[in-house]
């Protein structure tokens, strides 16, 4: 599937700004509304979804470039990059099955529409929206004035989901 076939909406912000909590709540709300949502989470460090000693971990450590884990409930594909560059967001999304919306956490520099999460105890309180025209709203745990884009309470999940539906032109067929 071509990444341009997907509706992509992001959540951005500094470390500890509430991105993951907001993403989880939005996925839950949008799924409750009947939308099929997929997600991408960008990690800035070495991570592993496998546990040391498992069979799949042993396959990867033995040199397998890709390892699929399959059961009657789910499947996962792990791809070792070795000397390859990190795949682009578009390359990752191109592997997704069809869905109504891809919610992306992180990827500050990508050009899809985003919500900026802000919390007073985040690593930085410098606004990202002033230099990023793709940020279409702010979700904050504190009052913000002087913004030219909508500001939502970080806990206004219904309002944020409504805004995402409008921005992404998600609507049910009346038929």
Protein backbone atom coordinates (compact mmCIF):
# COMPACT_ATOMS: atom_id res chain seq x y z
CA UNK A 1 0.00 0.00 0.00
CA UNK A 2 1.22 3.48 -0.88
CA UNK A 3 1.76 5.72 2.18
CA UNK A 4 -0.17 8.48 0.41
CA UNK A 5 -3.20 6.17 0.60
CA UNK A 6 -3.17 6.56 4.38
CA UNK A 7 -4.43 9.46 6.44
CA UNK A 8 -1.54 10.35 8.73
CA UNK A 9 -1.84 12.51 11.84
CA UNK A 10 0.87 13.06 14.43
CA UNK A 11 1.52 13.83 18.06
CA UNK A 12 4.72 15.71 18.73
CA UNK A 13 6.35 17.36 21.70
CA UNK A 14 9.39 17.34 23.91
CA UNK A 15 10.37 14.39 26.11
CA UNK A 16 7.88 13.92 28.99
CA UNK A 17 5.29 16.19 27.33
CA UNK A 18 2.59 13.51 27.46
CA UNK A 19 2.81 12.24 23.86
CA UNK A 20 2.38 8.54 24.65
CA UNK A 21 -0.48 9.02 27.10
CA UNK A 22 -2.24 11.29 24.60
CA UNK A 23 -1.66 8.80 21.76
CA UNK A 24 -3.08 5.90 23.79
CA UNK A 25 -6.16 7.89 24.79
CA UNK A 26 -6.75 9.08 21.22
CA UNK A 27 -6.39 5.55 19.79
CA UNK A 28 -8.92 4.32 22.36
CA UNK A 29 -11.39 7.12 21.58
CA UNK A 30 -11.05 6.87 17.78
CA UNK A 31 -11.36 3.06 17.90
CA UNK A 32 -14.43 3.42 20.14
CA UNK A 33 -15.90 5.64 17.43
CA UNK A 34 -15.42 2.81 14.94
CA UNK A 35 -12.26 3.92 13.14
CA UNK A 36 -9.52 1.44 12.29
CA UNK A 37 -6.36 3.07 13.67
CA UNK A 38 -2.73 2.01 13.24
CA UNK A 39 0.17 3.66 15.04
CA UNK A 40 3.86 4.39 14.56
CA UNK A 41 6.05 5.21 17.57
CA UNK A 42 9.48 6.64 16.88
CA UNK A 43 12.22 5.65 19.31
CA UNK A 44 15.46 7.63 19.50
CA UNK A 45 17.47 4.86 21.07
CA UNK A 46 18.25 1.19 20.85
CA UNK A 47 15.14 -0.76 21.73
CA UNK A 48 14.05 -4.35 21.59
CA UNK A 49 10.57 -5.84 21.56
CA UNK A 50 11.97 -9.29 22.12
CA UNK A 51 13.25 -10.81 25.35
CA UNK A 52 16.71 -12.26 25.69
CA UNK A 53 16.66 -16.04 25.49
CA UNK A 54 13.40 -16.44 23.54
CA UNK A 55 13.49 -18.48 20.36
CA UNK A 56 12.95 -15.43 18.14
CA UNK A 57 15.69 -13.51 20.00
CA UNK A 58 18.04 -16.43 19.41
CA UNK A 59 17.14 -16.41 15.68
CA UNK A 60 18.03 -12.70 15.42
CA UNK A 61 21.25 -13.06 17.40
CA UNK A 62 22.23 -15.96 15.14
CA UNK A 63 22.05 -13.56 12.17
CA UNK A 64 18.52 -13.66 10.76
CA UNK A 65 17.79 -10.35 9.02
CA UNK A 66 14.07 -10.64 9.63
CA UNK A 67 12.20 -12.73 12.13
CA UNK A 68 8.43 -13.18 12.12
CA UNK A 69 6.65 -14.35 15.24
CA UNK A 70 3.22 -15.76 14.49
CA UNK A 71 0.42 -17.10 16.66
CA UNK A 72 -3.33 -17.46 16.34
CA UNK A 73 -3.73 -14.05 18.07
CA UNK A 74 -1.09 -11.80 16.49
CA UNK A 75 2.05 -11.65 14.42
CA UNK A 76 5.08 -9.39 14.45
CA UNK A 77 7.96 -8.87 12.06
CA UNK A 78 11.31 -7.70 13.37
CA UNK A 79 13.86 -6.40 10.88
CA UNK A 80 17.49 -5.93 11.87
CA UNK A 81 18.95 -2.84 10.21
CA UNK A 82 22.62 -3.85 10.52
CA UNK A 83 24.29 -1.29 8.25
CA UNK A 84 21.06 -0.05 6.66
CA UNK A 85 19.72 3.44 7.34
CA UNK A 86 16.66 3.89 9.53
CA UNK A 87 13.60 3.54 7.27
CA UNK A 88 11.61 6.65 6.54
CA UNK A 89 8.15 7.11 7.97
CA UNK A 90 6.73 6.64 4.47
CA UNK A 91 8.55 3.31 4.10
CA UNK A 92 7.12 2.06 7.40
CA UNK A 93 3.59 3.22 6.61
CA UNK A 94 3.78 1.58 3.18
CA UNK A 95 3.94 -1.79 5.00
CA UNK A 96 0.70 -1.17 6.91
CA UNK A 97 -2.57 -2.86 6.10
CA UNK A 98 -5.40 -0.54 5.06
CA UNK A 99 -6.80 1.54 7.91
CA UNK A 100 -8.74 4.76 8.45
CA UNK A 101 -5.95 6.64 10.21
CA UNK A 102 -2.28 6.25 11.09
CA UNK A 103 -1.49 8.03 14.34
CA UNK A 104 2.22 8.86 14.54
CA UNK A 105 4.01 9.58 17.81
CA UNK A 106 7.23 11.50 17.37
CA UNK A 107 8.73 12.31 13.97
CA UNK A 108 8.85 16.05 14.74
CA UNK A 109 10.38 16.94 11.37
CA UNK A 110 7.91 15.10 9.14
CA UNK A 111 5.34 17.09 7.19
CA UNK A 112 2.02 15.56 8.28
CA UNK A 113 -0.46 17.46 10.47
CA UNK A 114 0.25 17.23 14.19
CA UNK A 115 -0.88 18.06 17.70
CA UNK A 116 1.82 19.47 19.96
CA UNK A 117 1.66 18.04 23.48
CA UNK A 118 2.84 20.41 26.22
CA UNK A 119 3.32 19.80 29.92
CA UNK A 120 4.93 22.09 32.47
CA UNK A 121 7.29 19.31 33.59
CA UNK A 122 8.44 18.34 30.08
CA UNK A 123 12.15 18.37 29.23
CA UNK A 124 11.60 21.68 27.46
CA UNK A 125 8.75 24.15 27.42
CA UNK A 126 9.91 25.85 24.24
CA UNK A 127 6.96 25.84 21.83
CA UNK A 128 7.39 23.82 18.66
CA UNK A 129 4.36 25.33 16.90
CA UNK A 130 6.04 28.69 16.29
CA UNK A 131 8.42 27.11 13.77
CA UNK A 132 6.27 24.26 12.46
CA UNK A 133 3.26 25.07 10.26
CA UNK A 134 2.19 21.40 10.31
CA UNK A 135 1.19 21.72 13.98
CA UNK A 136 -2.55 22.45 13.81
CA UNK A 137 -3.39 22.31 17.54
CA UNK A 138 -1.85 22.24 21.00
CA UNK A 139 -2.85 19.93 23.86
CA UNK A 140 -1.60 21.31 27.17
CA UNK A 141 -1.83 20.72 30.91
CA UNK A 142 -1.58 24.46 31.56
CA UNK A 143 -3.16 27.66 30.26
CA UNK A 144 -1.60 29.06 27.10
CA UNK A 145 -2.37 32.45 25.63
CA UNK A 146 -1.38 34.20 22.44
CA UNK A 147 -1.54 31.15 20.18
CA UNK A 148 -2.90 31.39 16.65
CA UNK A 149 -3.94 27.72 16.56
CA UNK A 150 -6.51 25.94 18.77
CA UNK A 151 -5.41 25.03 22.31
CA UNK A 152 -7.05 22.04 24.00
CA UNK A 153 -6.75 20.72 27.52
CA UNK A 154 -4.46 17.67 27.44
CA UNK A 155 -7.37 15.63 28.83
CA UNK A 156 -9.96 16.85 26.27
CA UNK A 157 -9.73 13.60 24.32
CA UNK A 158 -13.22 13.92 22.76
CA UNK A 159 -12.47 17.45 21.54
CA UNK A 160 -9.09 16.41 20.14
CA UNK A 161 -10.63 13.36 18.44
CA UNK A 162 -13.33 15.61 16.91
CA UNK A 163 -10.59 17.91 15.59
CA UNK A 164 -8.63 14.98 14.12
CA UNK A 165 -11.79 13.69 12.40
CA UNK A 166 -12.31 17.16 10.87
CA UNK A 167 -8.67 17.64 9.86
CA UNK A 168 -8.46 14.16 8.33
CA UNK A 169 -11.92 14.39 6.78
CA UNK A 170 -12.98 11.17 8.48
CA UNK A 171 -16.69 10.68 8.01
CA UNK A 172 -19.04 7.76 7.83
CA UNK A 173 -20.84 7.02 4.59
CA UNK A 174 -24.47 8.01 5.11
CA UNK A 175 -25.57 4.96 3.10
